[in-house]
N, C-alpha and C. Protein backbone atom coordinates (compact mmCIF):
# COMPACT_ATOMS: atom_id res chain seq x y z
N MET A 1 277.91 -74.36 180.11
CA MET A 1 277.05 -74.18 178.94
C MET A 1 277.38 -72.86 178.28
N ILE A 2 277.15 -72.85 176.98
CA ILE A 2 277.24 -71.62 176.23
C ILE A 2 275.83 -71.33 175.69
N ILE A 3 275.37 -70.09 175.94
CA ILE A 3 273.99 -69.76 175.63
C ILE A 3 273.98 -68.68 174.54
N PHE A 4 273.19 -68.92 173.50
CA PHE A 4 273.05 -67.96 172.39
C PHE A 4 271.68 -67.40 172.44
N ILE A 5 271.59 -66.06 172.57
CA ILE A 5 270.31 -65.40 172.81
C ILE A 5 270.05 -64.39 171.68
N ASP A 6 268.93 -64.56 171.02
CA ASP A 6 268.49 -63.60 170.00
C ASP A 6 268.17 -62.28 170.64
N ALA A 7 268.13 -61.18 169.85
CA ALA A 7 267.86 -59.86 170.39
C ALA A 7 266.35 -59.53 170.34
N ASP A 8 265.89 -59.14 169.19
CA ASP A 8 264.51 -58.64 169.05
C ASP A 8 263.47 -59.72 169.30
N GLY A 9 262.57 -59.48 170.28
CA GLY A 9 261.54 -60.45 170.58
C GLY A 9 261.96 -61.51 171.55
N THR A 10 263.25 -61.53 171.89
CA THR A 10 263.80 -62.54 172.83
C THR A 10 264.39 -61.81 174.03
N LEU A 11 265.49 -61.07 173.78
CA LEU A 11 266.06 -60.26 174.84
C LEU A 11 265.34 -58.94 174.96
N LEU A 12 264.95 -58.37 173.82
CA LEU A 12 264.29 -57.06 173.78
C LEU A 12 262.81 -57.21 173.59
N ASN A 13 262.05 -56.42 174.32
CA ASN A 13 260.60 -56.46 174.18
C ASN A 13 260.17 -55.53 173.00
N ASP A 14 258.90 -55.37 172.79
CA ASP A 14 258.40 -54.56 171.69
C ASP A 14 258.84 -53.10 171.77
N GLU A 15 259.11 -52.62 172.98
CA GLU A 15 259.59 -51.25 173.12
C GLU A 15 261.10 -51.14 173.02
N LYS A 16 261.76 -52.25 172.69
CA LYS A 16 263.20 -52.33 172.51
C LYS A 16 263.96 -52.10 173.84
N HIS A 17 263.38 -52.63 174.89
CA HIS A 17 264.04 -52.58 176.21
C HIS A 17 264.34 -54.00 176.69
N VAL A 18 265.39 -54.13 177.46
CA VAL A 18 265.75 -55.41 178.08
C VAL A 18 265.05 -55.45 179.45
N PRO A 19 264.18 -56.47 179.66
CA PRO A 19 263.58 -56.59 180.99
C PRO A 19 264.65 -56.81 182.06
N LYS A 20 264.47 -56.22 183.20
CA LYS A 20 265.46 -56.35 184.26
C LYS A 20 265.70 -57.82 184.62
N SER A 21 264.65 -58.64 184.60
CA SER A 21 264.78 -60.06 184.94
C SER A 21 265.69 -60.77 183.94
N ALA A 22 265.65 -60.36 182.69
CA ALA A 22 266.51 -61.02 181.68
C ALA A 22 267.97 -60.66 181.88
N ALA A 23 268.25 -59.36 182.12
CA ALA A 23 269.62 -58.93 182.37
C ALA A 23 270.18 -59.64 183.62
N GLU A 24 269.39 -59.69 184.65
CA GLU A 24 269.88 -60.32 185.92
C GLU A 24 270.07 -61.82 185.73
N ALA A 25 269.23 -62.47 184.96
CA ALA A 25 269.38 -63.92 184.73
C ALA A 25 270.66 -64.20 183.98
N ILE A 26 270.92 -63.37 182.96
CA ILE A 26 272.16 -63.55 182.16
C ILE A 26 273.39 -63.33 183.00
N GLN A 27 273.36 -62.28 183.80
CA GLN A 27 274.50 -62.00 184.69
C GLN A 27 274.69 -63.11 185.71
N SER A 28 273.60 -63.63 186.25
CA SER A 28 273.70 -64.77 187.20
C SER A 28 274.28 -66.01 186.55
N ALA A 29 273.80 -66.30 185.38
CA ALA A 29 274.28 -67.51 184.65
C ALA A 29 275.80 -67.38 184.41
N ARG A 30 276.23 -66.19 184.04
CA ARG A 30 277.66 -65.98 183.79
C ARG A 30 278.46 -66.12 185.08
N GLN A 31 277.91 -65.62 186.17
CA GLN A 31 278.60 -65.79 187.47
C GLN A 31 278.69 -67.25 187.84
N ASN A 32 277.78 -68.07 187.34
CA ASN A 32 277.81 -69.53 187.60
C ASN A 32 278.68 -70.26 186.61
N GLY A 33 279.42 -69.55 185.75
CA GLY A 33 280.36 -70.18 184.87
C GLY A 33 279.88 -70.40 183.47
N HIS A 34 278.69 -70.01 183.15
CA HIS A 34 278.18 -70.20 181.79
C HIS A 34 278.60 -68.97 180.94
N ARG A 35 278.66 -69.18 179.63
CA ARG A 35 278.98 -68.10 178.72
C ARG A 35 277.69 -67.70 177.96
N ALA A 36 277.52 -66.40 177.72
CA ALA A 36 276.32 -65.92 177.02
C ALA A 36 276.73 -65.00 175.87
N TYR A 37 276.18 -65.27 174.68
CA TYR A 37 276.40 -64.49 173.51
C TYR A 37 275.11 -63.99 172.97
N LEU A 38 275.05 -62.71 172.60
CA LEU A 38 273.91 -62.19 171.85
C LEU A 38 274.12 -62.66 170.45
N CYS A 39 273.08 -63.20 169.81
CA CYS A 39 273.18 -63.74 168.46
C CYS A 39 272.07 -63.12 167.64
N THR A 40 272.40 -62.15 166.79
CA THR A 40 271.41 -61.29 166.17
C THR A 40 271.68 -60.97 164.71
N GLY A 41 270.65 -60.58 164.03
CA GLY A 41 270.77 -60.10 162.68
C GLY A 41 271.20 -58.64 162.66
N ARG A 42 271.15 -57.98 163.79
CA ARG A 42 271.56 -56.57 163.89
C ARG A 42 273.03 -56.37 163.59
N THR A 43 273.38 -55.20 163.10
CA THR A 43 274.79 -54.86 162.92
C THR A 43 275.40 -54.58 164.28
N ARG A 44 276.69 -54.57 164.39
CA ARG A 44 277.38 -54.26 165.65
C ARG A 44 277.01 -52.86 166.09
N GLU A 45 276.88 -51.94 165.13
CA GLU A 45 276.54 -50.56 165.45
C GLU A 45 275.14 -50.46 166.06
N ASP A 46 274.28 -51.41 165.78
CA ASP A 46 272.91 -51.42 166.31
C ASP A 46 272.79 -52.05 167.71
N ILE A 47 273.93 -52.45 168.30
CA ILE A 47 273.92 -52.95 169.67
C ILE A 47 274.05 -51.75 170.60
N PHE A 48 272.94 -51.28 171.10
CA PHE A 48 272.97 -50.03 171.88
C PHE A 48 273.31 -50.30 173.34
N GLU A 49 273.47 -49.22 174.08
CA GLU A 49 274.05 -49.30 175.43
C GLU A 49 273.31 -50.21 176.38
N GLU A 50 272.00 -50.22 176.31
CA GLU A 50 271.20 -51.07 177.22
C GLU A 50 271.54 -52.56 176.99
N ILE A 51 271.80 -52.91 175.71
CA ILE A 51 272.20 -54.32 175.42
C ILE A 51 273.61 -54.55 175.94
N GLU A 52 274.50 -53.62 175.65
CA GLU A 52 275.91 -53.72 176.11
C GLU A 52 275.99 -53.94 177.62
N ASN A 53 275.11 -53.21 178.33
CA ASN A 53 275.15 -53.25 179.79
C ASN A 53 274.70 -54.57 180.40
N VAL A 54 274.10 -55.43 179.58
CA VAL A 54 273.72 -56.76 180.08
C VAL A 54 274.98 -57.50 180.51
N GLY A 55 276.05 -57.34 179.73
CA GLY A 55 277.31 -58.00 180.07
C GLY A 55 277.52 -59.33 179.42
N PHE A 56 277.34 -59.36 178.09
CA PHE A 56 277.56 -60.60 177.34
C PHE A 56 279.04 -60.92 177.24
N ASP A 57 279.35 -62.21 177.00
CA ASP A 57 280.73 -62.61 176.70
C ASP A 57 281.10 -62.20 175.29
N GLY A 58 280.10 -62.05 174.45
CA GLY A 58 280.41 -61.65 173.07
C GLY A 58 279.11 -61.43 172.30
N PHE A 59 279.35 -61.05 171.03
CA PHE A 59 278.24 -60.74 170.12
C PHE A 59 278.43 -61.43 168.78
N ILE A 60 277.35 -62.01 168.28
CA ILE A 60 277.31 -62.49 166.93
C ILE A 60 276.34 -61.58 166.23
N CYS A 61 276.85 -60.81 165.25
CA CYS A 61 276.03 -59.81 164.58
C CYS A 61 275.94 -60.13 163.11
N ASP A 62 275.03 -59.39 162.44
CA ASP A 62 274.84 -59.57 161.00
C ASP A 62 274.62 -61.04 160.65
N ASN A 63 273.84 -61.73 161.48
CA ASN A 63 273.55 -63.16 161.27
C ASN A 63 274.80 -64.01 161.18
N GLY A 64 275.87 -63.60 161.80
CA GLY A 64 277.10 -64.43 161.83
C GLY A 64 278.25 -63.86 161.00
N ALA A 65 278.05 -62.75 160.32
CA ALA A 65 279.14 -62.17 159.53
C ALA A 65 280.16 -61.48 160.40
N LEU A 66 279.82 -61.20 161.69
CA LEU A 66 280.75 -60.57 162.61
C LEU A 66 280.63 -61.31 163.95
N ILE A 67 281.77 -61.75 164.47
CA ILE A 67 281.79 -62.46 165.77
C ILE A 67 282.81 -61.71 166.66
N GLU A 68 282.31 -61.32 167.83
CA GLU A 68 283.16 -60.70 168.82
C GLU A 68 283.09 -61.54 170.10
N SER A 69 284.24 -61.80 170.70
CA SER A 69 284.28 -62.56 171.94
C SER A 69 285.27 -61.91 172.88
N ASP A 70 284.83 -61.72 174.11
CA ASP A 70 285.67 -61.12 175.18
C ASP A 70 286.27 -59.78 174.69
N GLY A 71 285.44 -59.00 174.01
CA GLY A 71 285.87 -57.65 173.58
C GLY A 71 286.72 -57.61 172.34
N LYS A 72 286.97 -58.74 171.70
CA LYS A 72 287.80 -58.77 170.52
C LYS A 72 287.03 -59.29 169.33
N VAL A 73 287.16 -58.66 168.15
CA VAL A 73 286.58 -59.20 166.97
C VAL A 73 287.40 -60.37 166.52
N ILE A 74 286.76 -61.54 166.37
CA ILE A 74 287.50 -62.75 165.96
C ILE A 74 287.11 -63.23 164.59
N PHE A 75 286.08 -62.62 164.02
CA PHE A 75 285.65 -62.94 162.66
C PHE A 75 284.89 -61.74 162.12
N ASP A 76 285.26 -61.29 160.94
CA ASP A 76 284.54 -60.15 160.32
C ASP A 76 284.52 -60.29 158.81
N GLU A 77 283.35 -60.62 158.33
CA GLU A 77 283.10 -60.74 156.89
C GLU A 77 281.93 -59.84 156.50
N THR A 78 281.76 -58.73 157.26
CA THR A 78 280.61 -57.83 157.02
C THR A 78 280.68 -57.17 155.66
N GLU A 79 281.86 -57.05 155.08
CA GLU A 79 281.99 -56.43 153.76
C GLU A 79 281.80 -57.46 152.64
N SER A 80 281.69 -58.72 152.98
CA SER A 80 281.56 -59.81 152.01
C SER A 80 280.16 -59.82 151.46
N GLU A 81 280.04 -60.35 150.26
CA GLU A 81 278.74 -60.54 149.63
C GLU A 81 278.08 -61.84 150.09
N LYS A 82 278.86 -62.64 150.76
CA LYS A 82 278.36 -63.95 151.20
C LYS A 82 277.25 -63.82 152.19
N LYS A 83 276.22 -64.68 152.13
CA LYS A 83 275.15 -64.69 153.08
C LYS A 83 275.52 -65.61 154.23
N PHE A 84 275.32 -65.11 155.45
CA PHE A 84 275.67 -65.91 156.62
C PHE A 84 274.38 -66.26 157.39
N GLU A 85 274.49 -67.29 158.20
CA GLU A 85 273.45 -67.69 159.14
C GLU A 85 274.03 -67.78 160.50
N LYS A 86 273.19 -67.61 161.52
CA LYS A 86 273.64 -67.69 162.90
C LYS A 86 274.34 -69.01 163.19
N SER A 87 273.95 -70.07 162.54
CA SER A 87 274.54 -71.38 162.78
C SER A 87 276.02 -71.40 162.43
N PHE A 88 276.44 -70.67 161.40
CA PHE A 88 277.84 -70.60 161.02
C PHE A 88 278.67 -70.07 162.19
N ALA A 89 278.22 -68.95 162.77
CA ALA A 89 278.96 -68.32 163.84
C ALA A 89 279.02 -69.20 165.06
N ILE A 90 277.92 -69.87 165.40
CA ILE A 90 277.90 -70.75 166.55
C ILE A 90 278.92 -71.88 166.34
N ARG A 91 278.92 -72.48 165.16
CA ARG A 91 279.91 -73.56 164.90
C ARG A 91 281.33 -73.02 164.99
N PHE A 92 281.54 -71.81 164.49
CA PHE A 92 282.88 -71.17 164.55
C PHE A 92 283.32 -71.05 165.99
N LEU A 93 282.45 -70.53 166.86
CA LEU A 93 282.82 -70.36 168.29
C LEU A 93 283.06 -71.71 168.97
N LEU A 94 282.19 -72.68 168.69
CA LEU A 94 282.36 -74.01 169.30
C LEU A 94 283.70 -74.61 168.91
N ASP A 95 284.08 -74.49 167.61
CA ASP A 95 285.36 -74.98 167.17
C ASP A 95 286.52 -74.24 167.84
N ARG A 96 286.40 -72.94 167.87
CA ARG A 96 287.46 -72.08 168.41
C ARG A 96 287.72 -72.38 169.89
N PHE A 97 286.66 -72.58 170.67
CA PHE A 97 286.80 -72.79 172.08
C PHE A 97 286.73 -74.25 172.49
N LYS A 98 286.68 -75.15 171.51
CA LYS A 98 286.63 -76.59 171.77
C LYS A 98 285.46 -76.94 172.70
N ILE A 99 284.29 -76.42 172.34
CA ILE A 99 283.06 -76.70 173.13
C ILE A 99 282.25 -77.72 172.39
N ASP A 100 281.73 -78.70 173.09
CA ASP A 100 280.88 -79.72 172.49
C ASP A 100 279.48 -79.14 172.27
N PRO A 101 278.86 -79.44 171.12
CA PRO A 101 277.50 -78.95 170.91
C PRO A 101 276.49 -79.39 171.95
N SER A 102 276.79 -80.43 172.68
CA SER A 102 275.87 -80.89 173.75
C SER A 102 275.82 -79.88 174.90
N ASP A 103 276.76 -78.94 174.94
CA ASP A 103 276.82 -77.92 175.98
C ASP A 103 276.27 -76.59 175.52
N THR A 104 275.30 -76.61 174.61
CA THR A 104 274.80 -75.36 174.03
C THR A 104 273.29 -75.19 174.18
N ILE A 105 272.90 -73.93 174.31
CA ILE A 105 271.51 -73.55 174.43
C ILE A 105 271.25 -72.39 173.48
N ALA A 106 270.14 -72.43 172.77
CA ALA A 106 269.71 -71.32 171.91
C ALA A 106 268.34 -70.84 172.37
N ILE A 107 268.15 -69.52 172.35
CA ILE A 107 266.88 -68.95 172.71
C ILE A 107 266.45 -67.95 171.62
N GLY A 108 265.25 -68.17 171.06
CA GLY A 108 264.80 -67.31 170.00
C GLY A 108 263.32 -67.24 169.90
N ASP A 109 262.87 -66.44 168.91
CA ASP A 109 261.42 -66.20 168.76
C ASP A 109 260.89 -66.30 167.33
N SER A 110 261.79 -66.44 166.34
CA SER A 110 261.30 -66.41 164.95
C SER A 110 262.09 -67.39 164.08
N LYS A 111 261.63 -67.47 162.81
CA LYS A 111 262.28 -68.39 161.86
C LYS A 111 263.75 -68.08 161.64
N TYR A 112 264.14 -66.85 161.89
CA TYR A 112 265.54 -66.47 161.73
C TYR A 112 266.43 -67.09 162.78
N ASP A 113 265.82 -67.62 163.81
CA ASP A 113 266.57 -68.31 164.89
C ASP A 113 266.63 -69.82 164.69
N LEU A 114 265.92 -70.34 163.72
CA LEU A 114 265.95 -71.76 163.45
C LEU A 114 267.34 -72.30 163.15
N PRO A 115 268.22 -71.54 162.43
CA PRO A 115 269.58 -72.06 162.23
C PRO A 115 270.32 -72.28 163.55
N MET A 116 270.06 -71.48 164.57
CA MET A 116 270.66 -71.72 165.90
C MET A 116 270.18 -73.08 166.43
N PHE A 117 268.90 -73.34 166.27
CA PHE A 117 268.32 -74.56 166.78
C PHE A 117 268.92 -75.79 166.08
N GLU A 118 269.43 -75.64 164.84
CA GLU A 118 270.02 -76.79 164.13
C GLU A 118 271.33 -77.19 164.80
N VAL A 119 271.98 -76.28 165.46
CA VAL A 119 273.30 -76.57 166.04
C VAL A 119 273.21 -76.89 167.53
N CYS A 120 272.37 -76.16 168.24
CA CYS A 120 272.36 -76.25 169.69
C CYS A 120 271.56 -77.44 170.22
N LYS A 121 271.97 -77.95 171.35
CA LYS A 121 271.28 -79.12 171.94
C LYS A 121 269.95 -78.76 172.56
N ILE A 122 269.91 -77.70 173.33
CA ILE A 122 268.65 -77.27 173.97
C ILE A 122 268.19 -76.00 173.26
N ASN A 123 266.93 -76.02 172.84
CA ASN A 123 266.40 -74.92 172.06
C ASN A 123 265.14 -74.41 172.69
N ILE A 124 265.15 -73.14 173.05
CA ILE A 124 264.05 -72.53 173.78
C ILE A 124 263.36 -71.49 172.91
N ALA A 125 262.06 -71.63 172.77
CA ALA A 125 261.25 -70.61 172.04
C ALA A 125 260.60 -69.72 173.09
N MET A 126 260.54 -68.46 172.76
CA MET A 126 259.84 -67.50 173.59
C MET A 126 258.34 -67.67 173.48
N GLY A 127 257.62 -67.43 174.52
CA GLY A 127 256.17 -67.54 174.49
C GLY A 127 255.50 -66.63 173.48
N ASN A 128 256.18 -65.51 173.19
CA ASN A 128 255.69 -64.58 172.17
C ASN A 128 256.18 -64.92 170.77
N GLY A 129 256.84 -66.06 170.64
CA GLY A 129 257.45 -66.45 169.38
C GLY A 129 256.42 -67.00 168.39
N LYS A 130 256.88 -67.18 167.15
CA LYS A 130 256.07 -67.71 166.07
C LYS A 130 255.89 -69.23 166.28
N ASP A 131 254.82 -69.76 165.70
CA ASP A 131 254.52 -71.17 165.82
C ASP A 131 255.65 -72.04 165.27
N GLU A 132 256.28 -71.62 164.18
CA GLU A 132 257.33 -72.44 163.55
C GLU A 132 258.54 -72.65 164.49
N ILE A 133 258.87 -71.61 165.30
CA ILE A 133 259.97 -71.78 166.23
C ILE A 133 259.55 -72.61 167.43
N LYS A 134 258.30 -72.43 167.86
CA LYS A 134 257.79 -73.18 169.00
C LYS A 134 257.77 -74.66 168.69
N SER A 135 257.39 -75.05 167.49
CA SER A 135 257.32 -76.44 167.13
C SER A 135 258.72 -77.09 167.01
N ALA A 136 259.74 -76.27 166.83
CA ALA A 136 261.12 -76.82 166.74
C ALA A 136 261.85 -76.78 168.06
N ALA A 137 261.23 -76.20 169.09
CA ALA A 137 261.90 -76.01 170.35
C ALA A 137 261.88 -77.22 171.27
N THR A 138 262.88 -77.31 172.12
CA THR A 138 262.92 -78.29 173.18
C THR A 138 261.76 -77.97 174.18
N PHE A 139 261.61 -76.68 174.48
CA PHE A 139 260.48 -76.23 175.26
C PHE A 139 260.21 -74.77 174.98
N VAL A 140 259.00 -74.33 175.34
CA VAL A 140 258.59 -72.95 175.18
C VAL A 140 258.55 -72.30 176.56
N THR A 141 259.18 -71.17 176.68
CA THR A 141 259.17 -70.41 177.94
C THR A 141 258.12 -69.32 177.83
N ASP A 142 258.02 -68.48 178.83
CA ASP A 142 257.07 -67.36 178.80
C ASP A 142 257.57 -66.29 177.82
N SER A 143 256.72 -65.30 177.61
CA SER A 143 257.07 -64.23 176.66
C SER A 143 258.15 -63.36 177.30
N VAL A 144 258.76 -62.51 176.44
CA VAL A 144 259.82 -61.64 176.90
C VAL A 144 259.36 -60.75 178.03
N ASP A 145 258.15 -60.22 177.98
CA ASP A 145 257.65 -59.35 179.03
C ASP A 145 257.11 -60.08 180.26
N LYS A 146 257.07 -61.37 180.22
CA LYS A 146 256.66 -62.19 181.39
C LYS A 146 257.84 -63.00 181.90
N ASP A 147 259.04 -62.42 181.82
CA ASP A 147 260.23 -63.00 182.39
C ASP A 147 260.65 -64.33 181.75
N GLY A 148 260.46 -64.42 180.44
CA GLY A 148 260.76 -65.67 179.71
C GLY A 148 262.18 -66.17 179.86
N ILE A 149 263.14 -65.28 179.73
CA ILE A 149 264.57 -65.68 179.86
C ILE A 149 264.81 -66.18 181.30
N LEU A 150 264.37 -65.44 182.26
CA LEU A 150 264.53 -65.83 183.66
C LEU A 150 263.95 -67.23 183.92
N HIS A 151 262.72 -67.42 183.50
CA HIS A 151 262.07 -68.73 183.71
C HIS A 151 262.76 -69.87 183.01
N ALA A 152 263.26 -69.64 181.82
CA ALA A 152 264.01 -70.66 181.09
C ALA A 152 265.29 -71.02 181.83
N PHE A 153 266.00 -70.01 182.29
CA PHE A 153 267.26 -70.23 183.01
C PHE A 153 266.98 -70.98 184.29
N GLN A 154 265.90 -70.63 184.98
CA GLN A 154 265.57 -71.37 186.22
C GLN A 154 265.24 -72.80 185.90
N ARG A 155 264.47 -73.05 184.87
CA ARG A 155 264.12 -74.40 184.49
C ARG A 155 265.36 -75.24 184.20
N LEU A 156 266.39 -74.62 183.61
CA LEU A 156 267.59 -75.35 183.21
C LEU A 156 268.66 -75.30 184.30
N ASN A 157 268.30 -74.76 185.47
CA ASN A 157 269.25 -74.68 186.58
C ASN A 157 270.56 -73.95 186.23
N LEU A 158 270.42 -72.90 185.44
CA LEU A 158 271.59 -72.08 185.06
C LEU A 158 271.89 -71.02 186.09
N ILE A 159 270.88 -70.72 186.91
CA ILE A 159 271.06 -69.65 187.95
C ILE A 159 270.67 -70.19 189.31
């Protein structure tokens, strides 16, 4: 599986910290052969050390205007006037790595994550998420501060 995880409100709590349970769940899933990408509206420069230390396979930044995989920038249109959505970047990666959309998971908390849900097969809303994302989700997990990512990964047998 390839897992796309939003940053603010999903990976990061209100204090902008990554819960230990989330970092460990992502690392465990990767050890089990799954790929994990941070998928955020943040710029690449706004991905601070605590996020880097989680150990993602790559980063989708600027809502898809920049895609980094395995330490290499594979798409960069950050100087473009074009508006991007996270769904563009997910499709780009799926095409590049020949991954079927049925092997995808998206995790988010707000309307800005709905484009991920349009592409991915399994869509998880955070318990602290907005109603519009919860109604579009395959299921709702716990909030970010109540080990939401960990519980979602356990439910999906990723770890």
